[in-house]
């Protein structure tokens, strides 16, 4: 869904007033805004909503594991796992086409390679890394899953 379209204007005119009306009811508001966010993201390509949801689950679970761990080694291991997961996702979507096309050029072949880059993956990935690093440093306590998902 592109911003300068009638579709977005209608979407916005529905989501914003409902969001304002629900803000007093935080749990309901979180569900509403999360659903609206997923609808907005799915409008472009619904397959990537599952990627977004999986990334949310993995980062939340690992942030909670970091927070609950009592040994430095376990905390570092969970942090390394979270960062590796996030950088792995980012690396796959941003660089797979580059490496495969380079390999094609070097080998003289022409494989059909086209990994679609999800919108906002860099921003979302770096925000997730920031969240787990801040949890590791003790600068924040992990939020509930619903609150984190809305972030």
Protein backbone atom coordinates (compact mmCIF):
# COMPACT_ATOMS: atom_id res chain seq x y z
CA UNK A 1 0.00 0.00 0.00
CA UNK A 2 1.61 3.21 -1.13
CA UNK A 3 1.16 6.38 0.89
CA UNK A 4 -0.07 8.73 -1.87
CA UNK A 5 -3.05 6.53 -2.85
CA UNK A 6 -6.76 6.50 -2.16
CA UNK A 7 -6.36 3.02 -0.64
CA UNK A 8 -3.96 4.34 1.98
CA UNK A 9 -6.18 7.36 2.66
CA UNK A 10 -9.16 5.08 3.36
CA UNK A 11 -6.99 2.78 5.48
CA UNK A 12 -5.66 5.75 7.45
CA UNK A 13 -9.12 7.27 7.93
CA UNK A 14 -10.27 3.99 9.49
CA UNK A 15 -7.21 3.12 11.57
CA UNK A 16 -6.46 6.52 13.11
CA UNK A 17 -9.86 7.33 14.67
CA UNK A 18 -10.33 3.76 15.89
CA UNK A 19 -6.84 3.88 17.36
CA UNK A 20 -7.59 7.11 19.21
CA UNK A 21 -10.87 5.72 20.50
CA UNK A 22 -9.18 2.57 21.80
CA UNK A 23 -6.16 4.17 23.49
CA UNK A 24 -7.90 4.15 26.87
CA UNK A 25 -8.14 0.37 26.57
CA UNK A 26 -4.48 -0.52 26.13
CA UNK A 27 -4.89 -4.27 25.58
CA UNK A 28 -7.56 -3.80 22.93
CA UNK A 29 -5.58 -0.94 21.38
CA UNK A 30 -2.47 -3.15 21.10
CA UNK A 31 -4.44 -5.85 19.29
CA UNK A 32 -6.00 -3.25 16.98
CA UNK A 33 -2.75 -1.52 16.12
CA UNK A 34 -0.93 -4.84 15.62
CA UNK A 35 -3.65 -6.07 13.26
CA UNK A 36 -3.63 -2.76 11.40
CA UNK A 37 0.16 -2.94 11.10
CA UNK A 38 0.04 -6.48 9.74
CA UNK A 39 -2.71 -5.56 7.27
CA UNK A 40 -0.65 -2.59 6.12
CA UNK A 41 2.47 -4.74 5.69
CA UNK A 42 0.54 -7.62 4.09
CA UNK A 43 -0.96 -5.28 1.52
CA UNK A 44 2.44 -5.23 -0.18
CA UNK A 45 3.14 -9.00 0.14
CA UNK A 46 1.31 -11.12 2.69
CA UNK A 47 4.09 -13.75 2.80
CA UNK A 48 6.38 -11.41 4.69
CA UNK A 49 3.94 -11.02 7.57
CA UNK A 50 5.07 -14.49 8.67
CA UNK A 51 8.70 -13.34 8.57
CA UNK A 52 7.81 -10.31 10.67
CA UNK A 53 5.90 -12.44 13.16
CA UNK A 54 8.70 -15.04 13.39
CA UNK A 55 11.28 -12.34 13.95
CA UNK A 56 9.12 -10.82 16.68
CA UNK A 57 8.77 -14.18 18.45
CA UNK A 58 12.47 -15.07 18.22
CA UNK A 59 13.68 -11.66 19.44
CA UNK A 60 11.18 -11.54 22.29
CA UNK A 61 11.97 -15.07 23.47
CA UNK A 62 15.71 -14.40 23.36
CA UNK A 63 15.39 -11.03 25.12
CA UNK A 64 13.44 -12.73 27.92
CA UNK A 65 16.06 -15.50 28.04
CA UNK A 66 18.82 -12.88 28.31
CA UNK A 67 16.98 -11.11 31.11
CA UNK A 68 16.29 -14.31 33.09
CA UNK A 69 19.77 -15.81 32.69
CA UNK A 70 21.95 -15.55 35.75
CA UNK A 71 25.32 -16.41 34.22
CA UNK A 72 27.27 -14.10 31.96
CA UNK A 73 28.01 -16.97 29.58
CA UNK A 74 24.35 -17.80 29.06
CA UNK A 75 23.47 -14.13 28.59
CA UNK A 76 26.21 -13.75 25.97
CA UNK A 77 25.12 -16.93 24.21
CA UNK A 78 21.50 -15.73 23.97
CA UNK A 79 22.67 -12.33 22.77
CA UNK A 80 24.91 -13.90 20.14
CA UNK A 81 22.04 -16.13 19.00
CA UNK A 82 19.68 -13.17 18.68
CA UNK A 83 22.18 -11.03 16.78
CA UNK A 84 23.14 -13.96 14.53
CA UNK A 85 19.47 -14.62 13.76
CA UNK A 86 18.80 -10.97 12.93
CA UNK A 87 21.95 -10.46 10.87
CA UNK A 88 21.31 -13.78 9.15
CA UNK A 89 17.84 -12.66 8.05
CA UNK A 90 19.12 -9.31 6.93
CA UNK A 91 22.07 -10.84 5.13
CA UNK A 92 19.92 -13.38 3.33
CA UNK A 93 17.43 -10.87 2.00
CA UNK A 94 19.91 -8.11 1.20
CA UNK A 95 22.82 -10.08 -0.25
CA UNK A 96 21.61 -13.41 -1.68
CA UNK A 97 20.86 -11.93 -5.09
CA UNK A 98 24.25 -10.21 -5.17
CA UNK A 99 26.21 -13.38 -4.33
CA UNK A 100 24.19 -15.61 -6.66
CA UNK A 101 24.46 -13.20 -9.59
CA UNK A 102 28.21 -12.89 -8.96
CA UNK A 103 28.53 -16.68 -8.93
CA UNK A 104 26.46 -16.84 -12.13
CA UNK A 105 28.74 -14.31 -13.81
CA UNK A 106 31.90 -16.11 -12.70
CA UNK A 107 30.58 -19.52 -13.76
CA UNK A 108 29.07 -18.27 -17.00
CA UNK A 109 25.64 -19.61 -16.08
CA UNK A 110 22.31 -17.89 -15.78
CA UNK A 111 20.31 -19.17 -12.84
CA UNK A 112 17.11 -17.37 -12.22
CA UNK A 113 17.63 -15.76 -8.84
CA UNK A 114 15.33 -13.24 -7.34
CA UNK A 115 15.07 -12.94 -3.58
CA UNK A 116 12.61 -10.16 -2.85
CA UNK A 117 13.77 -7.66 -0.25
CA UNK A 118 11.05 -7.10 2.38
CA UNK A 119 10.15 -3.46 2.98
CA UNK A 120 11.78 -2.04 6.11
CA UNK A 121 13.78 -5.15 6.98
CA UNK A 122 16.92 -3.15 7.81
CA UNK A 123 15.06 -0.81 10.15
CA UNK A 124 13.18 -3.64 11.85
CA UNK A 125 16.33 -5.76 12.19
CA UNK A 126 18.41 -3.00 13.75
CA UNK A 127 15.58 -2.10 16.12
CA UNK A 128 15.38 -5.76 17.20
CA UNK A 129 19.14 -5.90 17.72
CA UNK A 130 18.97 -2.70 19.75
CA UNK A 131 16.24 -4.23 21.91
CA UNK A 132 18.18 -7.40 22.74
CA UNK A 133 21.44 -5.47 23.30
CA UNK A 134 19.69 -3.05 25.67
CA UNK A 135 18.21 -6.02 27.49
CA UNK A 136 21.66 -7.61 27.71
CA UNK A 137 23.14 -4.39 29.13
CA UNK A 138 20.37 -4.23 31.73
CA UNK A 139 19.08 -0.93 30.37
CA UNK A 140 15.55 -2.28 30.01
CA UNK A 141 13.31 -5.05 31.19
CA UNK A 142 11.70 -7.04 28.37
CA UNK A 143 8.18 -5.90 27.63
CA UNK A 144 5.28 -8.31 27.38
CA UNK A 145 4.97 -10.03 24.03
CA UNK A 146 1.99 -7.87 23.04
CA UNK A 147 3.85 -4.65 23.87
CA UNK A 148 6.98 -5.80 22.06
CA UNK A 149 4.99 -6.85 18.99
CA UNK A 150 3.48 -3.36 18.78
CA UNK A 151 6.96 -1.78 18.83
